[in-house]
């Protein structure tokens, strides 16, 4: 038996050898994977079978394809596409173009490279001779721990995660934005590296109170070096809007792509070789409300009190809230409803997401009829064999959030790698994810406190002023300023659009959409997602000739 761990896994060779002694079959590797901390790929060869798997969050994924009769596995879909000569999966790309960044897994995990398959996060890939099959090995923990007990377990998991990320003196840096997620990791890192370098972008909006909490936190880290980069020192938002992050998949955070590259280079100049970021914190600790569905059936009075609190804080409309609570359909019906409603008006503002998704999917004005039909086809195809990530809608929503964003964080890590800085995202470590998911949903997602599980776990480590924070920084002023400055460049990207050549977008409708006034940032968010698809399509075009304009098989 042979076993390799690739990635971050703070265990000794002796401990790994001890775990491997118990392995007799490929299924026995389950216990090894469940015992290892960190975020990693695991490859095991047992009895003629090779088992390959990634991480639970999706930060590290496994892709498979075939070259002739030979099955292949890799950690990047575009590598397999190059090896096999794969072209574009037009249905997968159309689904991203039409549905945008809120497209959830498993459809968001469908590779945009034809013939390349994505192994689900809770599955492993088993290779035996010319055979390749997927097998589920992990299920989320039952959310039964009380908050106090769960906070201890989460703290232990985070301490293990951060103690394994010790840099040489002066070589470790960490985000210190003032938010609870990054600040918690920063203080855990300072326990073993008090002279670390902290980093944050200065705020463009005077109403953003991140700076207040960041400065209060910095005063509690007297040995650390603090680097604050002013807005005038950063590339504006949407700088170089046609740039490609990589060709694995469309990158959704295009508006800050230039800033992230600048940040990574700046950290490298200041001596950082390992940087800690709080990505994944919102996905693990936010108050996704899907838990109310089961709570209403098991503890109706408790659910009533929670619904009242949510409505008071978030102004949920009562008829829509009651309608959502009354629905009993399964996850497949959710996907079919998204397909049916793709061109209908969006639901009433502030309608809560109490079902199997985080937001309804709606086609934008600039999507062509063929693209919409292709997206509908992909949505309905997903419904045919989709399974919930967890039986409880609330737990399912947390996993949807994690697995929607984690692949983009993987792409972000590569931007830092290019500058010589290893990006660490401890909230996406497997044991950290499990510790958070094991806590009772009504306590974890309560509307009465802000991120109560993380706050309880960090009591005594992070200043109370941060743990008691009830606000989240707003960056809309920065977004508006960058969009105004770079609007001409954005329009220029789509003046000769690959997506238009593929028959997926109407350039005229898109231009009208981008030039129309908007009361919020929704148009900017939609433009950002579309830029990611356009940039990816350009990169793919450089590798492969374009297929003809979108043609669907009609029933």
Protein backbone atom coordinates (compact mmCIF):
# COMPACT_ATOMS: atom_id res chain seq x y z
CA UNK A 1 0.00 0.00 0.00
CA UNK A 2 1.28 3.47 -0.92
CA UNK A 3 -0.20 6.82 0.07
CA UNK A 4 0.71 10.40 -0.87
CA UNK A 5 -0.67 13.61 0.61
CA UNK A 6 -0.27 16.68 -1.65
CA UNK A 7 -1.00 20.09 -0.18
CA UNK A 8 -1.18 21.36 3.38
CA UNK A 9 -1.34 18.59 6.00
CA UNK A 10 0.48 19.26 9.29
CA UNK A 11 1.26 15.66 10.35
CA UNK A 12 4.52 13.83 10.78
CA UNK A 13 5.64 10.99 8.54
CA UNK A 14 5.41 8.72 11.58
CA UNK A 15 1.77 9.62 12.21
CA UNK A 16 0.92 9.09 8.54
CA UNK A 17 2.66 5.70 8.57
CA UNK A 18 0.71 4.74 11.69
CA UNK A 19 -2.60 5.55 9.99
CA UNK A 20 -1.60 3.64 6.85
CA UNK A 21 -0.93 0.42 8.75
CA UNK A 22 -4.69 -0.04 9.16
CA UNK A 23 -5.39 0.16 5.42
CA UNK A 24 -6.25 -3.10 3.68
CA UNK A 25 -8.78 -1.96 1.04
CA UNK A 26 -9.50 1.31 -0.80
CA UNK A 27 -12.47 1.87 1.54
CA UNK A 28 -10.11 1.82 4.54
CA UNK A 29 -8.60 5.07 3.25
CA UNK A 30 -11.78 6.79 4.48
CA UNK A 31 -10.49 6.63 8.05
CA UNK A 32 -7.10 8.04 7.05
CA UNK A 33 -8.67 10.97 5.18
CA UNK A 34 -11.02 11.70 8.10
CA UNK A 35 -8.11 11.79 10.58
CA UNK A 36 -5.83 14.16 8.68
CA UNK A 37 -5.93 17.92 9.30
CA UNK A 38 -5.44 20.46 6.55
CA UNK A 39 -6.47 20.88 2.93
CA UNK A 40 -4.92 18.47 0.47
CA UNK A 41 -5.20 15.95 -2.32
CA UNK A 42 -4.85 12.36 -1.22
CA UNK A 43 -3.66 9.58 -3.54
CA UNK A 44 -3.56 5.98 -2.35
CA UNK A 45 -2.64 2.79 -4.19
CA UNK A 46 -4.20 -0.28 -2.56
CA UNK A 47 -4.47 -3.76 -4.10
CA UNK A 48 -4.32 -2.64 -7.72
CA UNK A 49 -6.71 0.29 -7.20
CA UNK A 50 -5.58 3.92 -7.18
CA UNK A 51 -7.80 6.23 -5.15
CA UNK A 52 -7.67 10.01 -5.71
CA UNK A 53 -9.63 12.67 -3.81
CA UNK A 54 -9.63 16.38 -3.04
CA UNK A 55 -10.89 18.46 -0.12
CA UNK A 56 -14.40 18.72 1.31
CA UNK A 57 -14.83 22.41 0.49
CA UNK A 58 -13.81 22.10 -3.15
CA UNK A 59 -10.67 24.19 -2.72
CA UNK A 60 -8.76 21.17 -4.00
CA UNK A 61 -10.68 19.25 -6.64
CA UNK A 62 -10.10 16.20 -8.81
CA UNK A 63 -10.90 16.04 -12.52
CA UNK A 64 -10.94 13.02 -14.78
CA UNK A 65 -10.93 12.33 -18.51
CA UNK A 66 -9.91 9.64 -20.96
CA UNK A 67 -7.17 9.52 -23.55
CA UNK A 68 -8.19 6.61 -25.68
CA UNK A 69 -8.89 3.80 -23.23
CA UNK A 70 -6.61 5.25 -20.55
CA UNK A 71 -8.34 7.03 -17.64
CA UNK A 72 -6.58 10.19 -16.43
CA UNK A 73 -6.85 12.25 -13.23
CA UNK A 74 -5.55 15.74 -12.47
CA UNK A 75 -6.08 18.70 -10.17
CA UNK A 76 -6.80 21.01 -13.13
CA UNK A 77 -9.43 20.58 -15.81
CA UNK A 78 -7.49 22.62 -18.38
CA UNK A 79 -4.48 20.31 -18.06
CA UNK A 80 -6.68 17.36 -18.97
CA UNK A 81 -8.22 19.39 -21.79
CA UNK A 82 -4.76 19.95 -23.24
CA UNK A 83 -3.82 16.29 -22.88
CA UNK A 84 -7.01 15.05 -24.53
CA UNK A 85 -7.61 17.84 -27.06
CA UNK A 86 -10.94 18.72 -25.43
CA UNK A 87 -13.03 21.61 -26.71
CA UNK A 88 -15.55 23.87 -24.99
CA UNK A 89 -18.62 22.41 -23.28
CA UNK A 90 -21.11 24.94 -24.62
CA UNK A 91 -23.96 23.96 -22.31
CA UNK A 92 -21.75 24.42 -19.25
CA UNK A 93 -20.48 27.77 -20.50
CA UNK A 94 -23.99 28.95 -21.43
CA UNK A 95 -25.22 28.08 -17.93
CA UNK A 96 -22.52 30.31 -16.43
CA UNK A 97 -23.17 33.14 -18.89
CA UNK A 98 -26.92 33.10 -18.24
CA UNK A 99 -27.05 32.27 -14.53
CA UNK A 100 -23.98 34.21 -13.40
CA UNK A 101 -22.03 33.81 -10.20
CA UNK A 102 -24.95 32.46 -8.20
CA UNK A 103 -24.98 29.23 -10.24
CA UNK A 104 -24.65 26.61 -7.50
CA UNK A 105 -23.03 23.19 -7.50
CA UNK A 106 -23.27 20.58 -8.83
CA UNK A 107 -23.87 22.48 -12.09
CA UNK A 108 -21.21 25.08 -11.28
CA UNK A 109 -18.75 22.18 -10.90
CA UNK A 110 -19.46 20.91 -14.40
CA UNK A 111 -16.27 21.54 -16.33
CA UNK A 112 -16.42 24.03 -19.18
CA UNK A 113 -14.06 21.66 -21.01
CA UNK A 114 -15.90 18.96 -22.96
CA UNK A 115 -15.11 15.41 -21.89
CA UNK A 116 -13.59 16.47 -18.56
CA UNK A 117 -15.50 15.34 -15.47
CA UNK A 118 -15.37 16.83 -11.99
CA UNK A 119 -15.28 14.47 -9.02
CA UNK A 120 -17.80 15.70 -6.40
CA UNK A 121 -16.23 17.03 -3.21
CA UNK A 122 -17.61 14.20 -1.09
CA UNK A 123 -16.52 11.50 -3.56
CA UNK A 124 -13.24 9.86 -4.48
CA UNK A 125 -12.09 8.64 -7.89
CA UNK A 126 -11.13 4.96 -8.13
CA UNK A 127 -8.86 3.93 -11.00
CA UNK A 128 -8.39 0.24 -11.77
CA UNK A 129 -6.91 -0.78 -15.10
CA UNK A 130 -8.98 0.93 -17.80
CA UNK A 131 -11.88 1.46 -15.39
CA UNK A 132 -12.64 4.73 -13.57
CA UNK A 133 -15.52 5.17 -11.16
CA UNK A 134 -16.59 7.60 -8.45
CA UNK A 135 -17.59 6.59 -4.95
CA UNK A 136 -18.99 8.67 -2.12
CA UNK A 137 -16.82 8.53 0.98
CA UNK A 138 -17.96 11.49 3.15
CA UNK A 139 -21.21 12.76 4.60
CA UNK A 140 -21.62 15.95 6.63
CA UNK A 141 -21.74 15.53 10.40
CA UNK A 142 -25.07 15.67 12.19
CA UNK A 143 -25.55 19.26 13.37
CA UNK A 144 -26.12 18.27 17.01
CA UNK A 145 -23.40 19.96 19.07
CA UNK A 146 -24.47 22.84 21.33
CA UNK A 147 -22.79 26.13 20.52
CA UNK A 148 -20.50 26.13 23.57
CA UNK A 149 -19.22 22.62 22.87
CA UNK A 150 -18.92 23.33 19.16
CA UNK A 151 -16.96 26.52 19.81
CA UNK A 152 -14.31 24.52 21.69
CA UNK A 153 -14.04 22.02 18.83
CA UNK A 154 -13.82 24.81 16.26
CA UNK A 155 -11.15 26.60 18.25
CA UNK A 156 -9.08 23.41 18.49
CA UNK A 157 -9.41 22.87 14.75
CA UNK A 158 -8.37 26.44 13.98
CA UNK A 159 -5.43 26.28 16.40
CA UNK A 160 -4.22 23.10 14.67
CA UNK A 161 -4.70 24.74 11.29
CA UNK A 162 -2.75 27.86 12.25
CA UNK A 163 -0.02 26.17 14.28
CA UNK A 164 0.83 24.20 11.16
CA UNK A 165 1.27 27.41 9.21
CA UNK A 166 4.34 28.77 10.93
CA UNK A 167 6.51 30.86 8.66
CA UNK A 168 10.10 31.81 9.19
CA UNK A 169 10.44 35.07 11.08
CA UNK A 170 9.25 37.84 8.81
CA UNK A 171 8.04 35.42 6.14
CA UNK A 172 4.43 35.10 7.35
CA UNK A 173 1.75 37.67 6.60
CA UNK A 174 -1.99 37.79 7.27
CA UNK A 175 -4.96 39.91 6.29
CA UNK A 176 -6.14 42.24 9.05
CA UNK A 177 -9.18 43.84 7.48
CA UNK A 178 -11.02 44.46 10.74
CA UNK A 179 -13.59 41.80 9.96
CA UNK A 180 -14.02 38.89 12.35
CA UNK A 181 -12.85 36.24 9.88
CA UNK A 182 -9.41 37.60 8.98
CA UNK A 183 -8.79 39.17 12.40
CA UNK A 184 -9.32 35.82 14.15
CA UNK A 185 -6.74 34.11 11.95
CA UNK A 186 -4.34 37.01 12.38
CA UNK A 187 -4.40 36.70 16.18
CA UNK A 188 -4.01 32.93 16.01
CA UNK A 189 -0.97 33.41 13.77
CA UNK A 190 0.50 35.98 16.16
CA UNK A 191 0.55 33.35 18.92
CA UNK A 192 3.54 31.69 17.26
CA UNK A 193 4.73 34.50 14.95
CA UNK A 194 4.30 37.76 16.88
CA UNK A 195 6.39 39.65 14.32
CA UNK A 196 4.16 38.78 11.38
CA UNK A 197 3.21 41.29 8.70
CA UNK A 198 -0.46 42.33 8.70
CA UNK A 199 -2.06 43.67 5.55
CA UNK A 200 -5.17 45.52 4.48
CA UNK A 201 -6.51 47.78 1.77
CA UNK A 202 -7.56 51.22 2.98
CA UNK A 203 -11.25 51.98 2.52
CA UNK A 204 -12.66 54.26 -0.16
CA UNK A 205 -15.96 54.81 1.65
CA UNK A 206 -15.95 56.90 4.82
CA UNK A 207 -18.94 54.86 5.99
CA UNK A 208 -16.90 51.64 5.96
CA UNK A 209 -15.96 50.98 9.58
CA UNK A 210 -13.40 48.26 8.81
CA UNK A 211 -10.59 50.73 9.53
CA UNK A 212 -11.83 51.36 13.09
CA UNK A 213 -11.78 47.66 14.00
CA UNK A 214 -8.53 47.02 12.13
CA UNK A 215 -6.75 49.84 13.98
CA UNK A 216 -8.10 48.67 17.34
CA UNK A 217 -6.85 45.17 16.55
CA UNK A 218 -3.44 46.38 15.36
CA UNK A 219 -2.84 48.07 18.72
CA UNK A 220 -3.17 44.63 20.35
CA UNK A 221 -0.38 43.26 18.11
CA UNK A 222 2.55 45.48 19.17
CA UNK A 223 5.29 43.29 17.69
CA UNK A 224 3.67 42.94 14.27
CA UNK A 225 4.44 45.07 11.24
CA UNK A 226 1.37 46.67 9.72
CA UNK A 227 1.03 47.43 6.02
CA UNK A 228 -1.96 49.52 4.93
CA UNK A 229 -2.20 50.26 1.21
CA UNK A 230 -4.09 53.41 0.24
CA UNK A 231 -6.66 53.49 -2.52
CA UNK A 232 -4.40 55.71 -4.61
CA UNK A 233 -1.70 53.01 -4.46
CA UNK A 234 -4.00 50.24 -5.74
CA UNK A 235 -5.15 49.52 -9.28
CA UNK A 236 -8.75 50.74 -9.51
CA UNK A 237 -11.53 48.19 -9.54
CA UNK A 238 -12.10 46.72 -13.04
CA UNK A 239 -8.55 47.55 -14.15
CA UNK A 240 -7.60 45.48 -17.21
CA UNK A 241 -11.09 43.93 -17.36
CA UNK A 242 -10.23 41.49 -20.15
CA UNK A 243 -7.40 39.77 -18.26
CA UNK A 244 -7.57 36.01 -17.75
CA UNK A 245 -6.85 34.47 -14.35
CA UNK A 246 -6.34 30.99 -15.83
CA UNK A 247 -8.08 28.64 -18.25
CA UNK A 248 -9.38 26.05 -15.79
CA UNK A 249 -12.76 27.81 -15.47
CA UNK A 250 -14.17 31.35 -15.62
CA UNK A 251 -12.88 33.42 -12.71
CA UNK A 252 -15.79 35.23 -11.00
CA UNK A 253 -13.90 38.00 -9.17
CA UNK A 254 -12.57 39.85 -12.19
CA UNK A 255 -13.05 43.34 -10.81
CA UNK A 256 -10.27 42.82 -8.23
CA UNK A 257 -8.02 40.61 -10.37
CA UNK A 258 -5.46 43.37 -10.96
CA UNK A 259 -5.58 44.34 -7.28
CA UNK A 260 -4.93 40.80 -6.16
CA UNK A 261 -1.94 40.47 -8.45
CA UNK A 262 -0.65 43.80 -7.15
CA UNK A 263 -1.25 42.69 -3.55
CA UNK A 264 0.63 39.42 -4.02
CA UNK A 265 3.60 41.23 -5.56
CA UNK A 266 3.59 43.81 -2.78
CA UNK A 267 3.57 41.15 -0.07
CA UNK A 268 6.48 39.40 -1.78
CA UNK A 269 8.41 42.69 -1.84
CA UNK A 270 7.89 42.98 1.93
CA UNK A 271 9.34 39.51 2.51
CA UNK A 272 6.17 37.43 2.81
CA UNK A 273 6.34 33.85 1.58
CA UNK A 274 3.13 32.61 3.21
CA UNK A 275 -0.04 34.70 3.47
CA UNK A 276 -3.12 33.86 5.55
CA UNK A 277 -6.56 35.00 4.37
CA UNK A 278 -10.04 34.63 5.82
CA UNK A 279 -11.78 33.35 2.70
CA UNK A 280 -14.47 30.85 3.58
CA UNK A 281 -15.43 32.56 6.82
CA UNK A 282 -18.60 34.09 5.41
CA UNK A 283 -19.57 30.76 3.87
CA UNK A 284 -19.09 28.88 7.17
CA UNK A 285 -20.47 31.35 9.68
CA UNK A 286 -23.14 33.47 7.98
CA UNK A 287 -26.82 33.06 8.84
CA UNK A 288 -28.24 31.12 5.90
CA UNK A 289 -31.93 30.75 6.76
CA UNK A 290 -32.76 27.37 5.23
CA UNK A 291 -32.68 25.76 8.70
CA UNK A 292 -36.05 27.37 9.43
CA UNK A 293 -37.81 24.87 7.17
CA UNK A 294 -37.04 21.87 9.40
CA UNK A 295 -37.25 23.91 12.60
CA UNK A 296 -40.82 24.94 11.73
CA UNK A 297 -41.84 21.29 11.56
CA UNK A 298 -40.01 20.10 14.66
CA UNK A 299 -40.23 23.12 16.96
CA UNK A 300 -42.89 25.46 15.55
CA UNK A 301 -42.89 27.95 18.45
CA UNK A 302 -39.11 28.32 18.31
CA UNK A 303 -39.33 28.72 14.54
CA UNK A 304 -41.98 31.41 14.92
CA UNK A 305 -39.70 33.43 17.19
CA UNK A 306 -36.81 33.06 14.74
CA UNK A 307 -38.92 34.04 11.75
CA UNK A 308 -40.05 37.16 13.60
CA UNK A 309 -36.42 38.06 14.35
CA UNK A 310 -35.33 37.48 10.75
CA UNK A 311 -38.24 39.55 9.45
CA UNK A 312 -37.47 42.40 11.83
CA UNK A 313 -33.80 42.49 10.84
CA UNK A 314 -34.03 41.69 7.15
CA UNK A 315 -37.57 42.89 6.31
CA UNK A 316 -38.75 39.66 4.77
CA UNK A 317 -42.20 40.01 3.15
CA UNK A 318 -44.67 37.87 5.11
CA UNK A 319 -46.59 36.19 2.21
CA UNK A 320 -43.39 35.07 0.47
CA UNK A 321 -41.88 33.90 3.75
CA UNK A 322 -44.90 31.73 4.58
CA UNK A 323 -45.00 30.35 1.03
CA UNK A 324 -41.33 29.35 1.25
CA UNK A 325 -41.85 27.65 4.61
CA UNK A 326 -44.86 25.72 3.29
CA UNK A 327 -43.02 24.17 0.34
CA UNK A 328 -42.10 20.51 0.68
CA UNK A 329 -40.45 19.85 -2.68
CA UNK A 330 -37.05 18.27 -3.00
CA UNK A 331 -33.80 19.51 -4.46
CA UNK A 332 -34.60 18.23 -7.96
CA UNK A 333 -37.76 20.33 -8.04
CA UNK A 334 -35.68 23.40 -7.08
CA UNK A 335 -33.53 22.93 -10.20
CA UNK A 336 -36.55 22.41 -12.43
CA UNK A 337 -38.17 25.55 -11.02
CA UNK A 338 -35.05 27.56 -11.84
CA UNK A 339 -35.24 26.29 -15.43
CA UNK A 340 -38.95 27.11 -15.71
CA UNK A 341 -38.59 30.57 -14.15
CA UNK A 342 -35.34 31.61 -15.84
CA UNK A 343 -36.96 34.43 -17.87
CA UNK A 344 -39.65 35.40 -15.37
CA UNK A 345 -39.41 38.58 -13.27
CA UNK A 346 -37.24 38.28 -10.20
CA UNK A 347 -39.04 37.58 -6.91
CA UNK A 348 -40.05 40.43 -4.69
CA UNK A 349 -37.07 42.15 -3.08
CA UNK A 350 -35.95 40.64 0.24
CA UNK A 351 -37.77 37.36 -0.37
CA UNK A 352 -35.86 34.86 1.81
CA UNK A 353 -34.13 31.77 0.45
CA UNK A 354 -35.63 28.97 2.53
CA UNK A 355 -35.32 26.26 -0.10
CA UNK A 356 -32.43 24.33 -1.63
CA UNK A 357 -30.61 27.32 -3.15
CA UNK A 358 -29.18 30.62 -2.00
CA UNK A 359 -30.86 32.81 -4.62
CA UNK A 360 -33.20 32.40 -7.60
CA UNK A 361 -31.57 32.18 -11.03
CA UNK A 362 -32.68 34.70 -13.64
CA UNK A 363 -31.45 35.33 -17.18
CA UNK A 364 -30.02 38.82 -17.89
CA UNK A 365 -31.35 41.07 -20.63
CA UNK A 366 -28.29 40.52 -22.83
CA UNK A 367 -28.48 36.70 -22.95
CA UNK A 368 -29.63 35.36 -26.31
CA UNK A 369 -32.58 33.00 -26.71
CA UNK A 370 -30.20 30.17 -27.68
CA UNK A 371 -28.08 30.74 -24.57
CA UNK A 372 -31.18 30.72 -22.38
CA UNK A 373 -32.38 27.50 -23.98
CA UNK A 374 -28.95 25.94 -23.41
CA UNK A 375 -28.95 27.05 -19.77
CA UNK A 376 -32.43 25.59 -19.29
CA UNK A 377 -31.23 22.34 -20.78
CA UNK A 378 -28.28 22.25 -18.36
CA UNK A 379 -30.52 23.05 -15.37
CA UNK A 380 -33.00 20.31 -16.26
CA UNK A 381 -30.21 17.83 -16.88
CA UNK A 382 -28.85 18.59 -13.40
CA UNK A 383 -32.26 17.88 -11.88
CA UNK A 384 -32.25 14.33 -13.27
CA UNK A 385 -29.72 12.94 -10.82
CA UNK A 386 -29.08 15.69 -8.26
CA UNK A 387 -28.93 14.78 -4.56
CA UNK A 388 -28.92 17.15 -1.58
CA UNK A 389 -25.54 17.71 0.05
CA UNK A 390 -27.25 17.19 3.42
CA UNK A 391 -30.80 16.19 4.45
CA UNK A 392 -31.39 19.51 6.21
CA UNK A 393 -31.89 22.49 3.89
CA UNK A 394 -29.86 24.70 6.21
CA UNK A 395 -26.85 22.39 6.22
CA UNK A 396 -27.24 21.99 2.45
CA UNK A 397 -27.11 25.78 2.02
CA UNK A 398 -23.84 26.07 3.95
CA UNK A 399 -22.26 23.43 1.72
CA UNK A 400 -23.65 25.11 -1.39
CA UNK A 401 -22.02 28.38 -0.31
CA UNK A 402 -18.67 26.73 0.38
CA UNK A 403 -18.60 24.77 -2.85
CA UNK A 404 -19.72 27.73 -4.95
CA UNK A 405 -16.81 29.95 -3.96
CA UNK A 406 -13.97 27.57 -3.04
CA UNK A 407 -12.91 26.86 -6.66
CA UNK A 408 -12.49 30.61 -7.19
CA UNK A 409 -10.32 30.77 -4.09
CA UNK A 410 -8.18 28.05 -5.66
CA UNK A 411 -7.71 30.27 -8.70
CA UNK A 412 -6.84 33.15 -6.37
CA UNK A 413 -4.16 30.99 -4.76
CA UNK A 414 -2.51 30.59 -8.15
CA UNK A 415 -2.28 34.37 -8.52
CA UNK A 416 -0.30 34.46 -5.28
CA UNK A 417 1.80 31.46 -6.30
CA UNK A 418 2.89 33.39 -9.41
CA UNK A 419 4.34 36.07 -7.12
CA UNK A 420 6.15 33.54 -4.92
CA UNK A 421 3.67 33.74 -2.03
CA UNK A 422 1.75 30.69 -0.80
CA UNK A 423 -1.85 31.65 0.03
CA UNK A 424 -3.35 29.80 3.01
CA UNK A 425 -7.11 29.73 3.65
CA UNK A 426 -7.58 27.85 6.95
CA UNK A 427 -11.37 28.11 7.05
CA UNK A 428 -11.41 25.72 4.10
CA UNK A 429 -9.42 23.02 5.90
CA UNK A 430 -11.40 19.78 6.15
CA UNK A 431 -11.46 19.49 9.95
CA UNK A 432 -12.37 23.18 10.33
CA UNK A 433 -15.29 22.69 7.94
CA UNK A 434 -16.47 19.64 9.87
CA UNK A 435 -16.19 21.39 13.22
CA UNK A 436 -18.38 24.25 12.01
CA UNK A 437 -20.97 22.01 10.36
CA UNK A 438 -21.37 19.91 13.53
CA UNK A 439 -22.96 22.78 15.50
CA UNK A 440 -26.72 23.05 15.84
CA UNK A 441 -28.12 25.14 13.01
CA UNK A 442 -30.48 27.34 15.05
CA UNK A 443 -27.54 28.37 17.23
CA UNK A 444 -25.07 28.73 14.38
CA UNK A 445 -27.40 30.70 12.08
CA UNK A 446 -29.31 32.76 14.65
CA UNK A 447 -30.34 36.24 13.48
CA UNK A 448 -29.80 37.57 17.00
CA UNK A 449 -25.97 37.57 16.89
CA UNK A 450 -23.32 38.10 14.24
CA UNK A 451 -21.31 34.95 13.53
CA UNK A 452 -21.93 33.54 17.01
CA UNK A 453 -19.95 30.32 16.52
CA UNK A 454 -16.75 32.05 15.44
CA UNK A 455 -17.15 34.71 18.12
CA UNK A 456 -17.55 32.11 20.86
CA UNK A 457 -14.57 30.09 19.62
CA UNK A 458 -12.26 33.13 19.59
CA UNK A 459 -13.23 34.55 22.99
CA UNK A 460 -10.01 35.38 24.84
CA UNK A 461 -7.92 35.31 21.65
CA UNK A 462 -9.39 38.19 19.64
CA UNK A 463 -10.26 41.59 21.18
CA UNK A 464 -13.88 41.73 22.37
CA UNK A 465 -14.49 44.85 20.30
CA UNK A 466 -14.09 42.74 17.14
CA UNK A 467 -16.08 39.77 18.43
CA UNK A 468 -18.93 42.09 19.31
CA UNK A 469 -19.02 43.68 15.89
CA UNK A 470 -22.42 43.63 14.17
CA UNK A 471 -21.51 45.33 10.86
CA UNK A 472 -19.75 44.30 7.67
CA UNK A 473 -17.61 46.63 5.59
CA UNK A 474 -19.21 48.12 2.47
CA UNK A 475 -17.13 48.60 -0.67
CA UNK A 476 -19.76 50.02 -3.01
CA UNK A 477 -18.06 53.44 -3.24
CA UNK A 478 -14.85 51.78 -4.39
CA UNK A 479 -16.84 49.72 -6.89
CA UNK A 480 -18.68 52.71 -8.35
CA UNK A 481 -15.48 54.73 -8.71
CA UNK A 482 -13.64 51.89 -10.45
CA UNK A 483 -16.53 51.19 -12.78
CA UNK A 484 -16.74 54.84 -13.86
CA UNK A 485 -13.02 54.97 -14.49
CA UNK A 486 -12.87 51.72 -16.46
CA UNK A 487 -16.27 51.64 -18.18
CA UNK A 488 -14.74 52.37 -21.58
CA UNK A 489 -12.32 49.46 -21.14
CA UNK A 490 -15.19 47.16 -20.15
CA UNK A 491 -17.16 48.15 -23.24
CA UNK A 492 -14.08 47.60 -25.36
CA UNK A 493 -13.72 44.02 -24.09
CA UNK A 494 -17.18 43.23 -25.48
CA UNK A 495 -16.76 45.16 -28.74
CA UNK A 496 -15.26 42.01 -30.26
CA UNK A 497 -16.75 39.40 -27.96
CA UNK A 498 -16.01 35.69 -28.17
CA UNK A 499 -19.28 35.01 -26.36
CA UNK A 500 -21.13 36.99 -29.01
CA UNK A 501 -19.44 34.91 -31.71
CA UNK A 502 -20.63 31.82 -29.90
CA UNK A 503 -24.18 33.18 -30.03
CA UNK A 504 -24.54 33.56 -26.25
CA UNK A 505 -24.85 37.32 -25.77
CA UNK A 506 -26.26 40.29 -27.67
CA UNK A 507 -23.56 43.01 -27.80
CA UNK A 508 -26.16 45.76 -28.34
CA UNK A 509 -28.30 44.68 -25.40
CA UNK A 510 -25.21 44.33 -23.23
CA UNK A 511 -23.96 47.81 -24.12
CA UNK A 512 -27.37 49.31 -23.30
CA UNK A 513 -27.34 47.38 -20.01
CA UNK A 514 -23.89 48.64 -19.02
CA UNK A 515 -24.63 52.27 -19.93
CA UNK A 516 -28.00 52.42 -18.16
CA UNK A 517 -28.09 54.10 -14.72
CA UNK A 518 -28.37 51.76 -11.73
CA UNK A 519 -29.44 52.39 -8.14
CA UNK A 520 -27.31 49.57 -6.71
CA UNK A 521 -24.33 47.36 -7.56
CA UNK A 522 -26.31 44.55 -9.21
CA UNK A 523 -25.25 45.61 -12.72
CA UNK A 524 -21.62 45.70 -11.68
CA UNK A 525 -21.89 42.21 -10.19
CA UNK A 526 -23.46 40.89 -13.39
CA UNK A 527 -20.80 42.57 -15.53
CA UNK A 528 -18.06 41.10 -13.35
CA UNK A 529 -19.35 37.55 -13.81
CA UNK A 530 -19.72 38.02 -17.56
CA UNK A 531 -16.19 39.40 -17.85
CA UNK A 532 -14.95 36.20 -16.23
CA UNK A 533 -16.72 34.11 -18.87
CA UNK A 534 -15.49 36.33 -21.70
CA UNK A 535 -11.89 36.28 -20.46
CA UNK A 536 -12.00 32.49 -20.08
CA UNK A 537 -13.46 32.07 -23.57
CA UNK A 538 -10.64 34.17 -25.01
CA UNK A 539 -8.05 32.08 -23.22
CA UNK A 540 -9.72 28.88 -24.38
CA UNK A 541 -9.87 30.22 -27.95
CA UNK A 542 -6.10 30.70 -27.91
CA UNK A 543 -5.79 26.98 -27.06
CA UNK A 544 -8.58 25.60 -29.26
CA UNK A 545 -10.48 26.78 -32.35
CA UNK A 546 -13.96 28.08 -31.60
CA UNK A 547 -16.96 25.84 -32.24
CA UNK A 548 -19.75 27.16 -34.49
CA UNK A 549 -22.40 29.42 -32.93
CA UNK A 550 -24.56 27.72 -30.31
CA UNK A 551 -26.82 25.07 -31.84
CA UNK A 552 -29.03 22.98 -29.60
CA UNK A 553 -30.68 19.64 -30.13
CA UNK A 554 -34.35 20.47 -30.30
CA UNK A 555 -36.85 17.99 -28.85
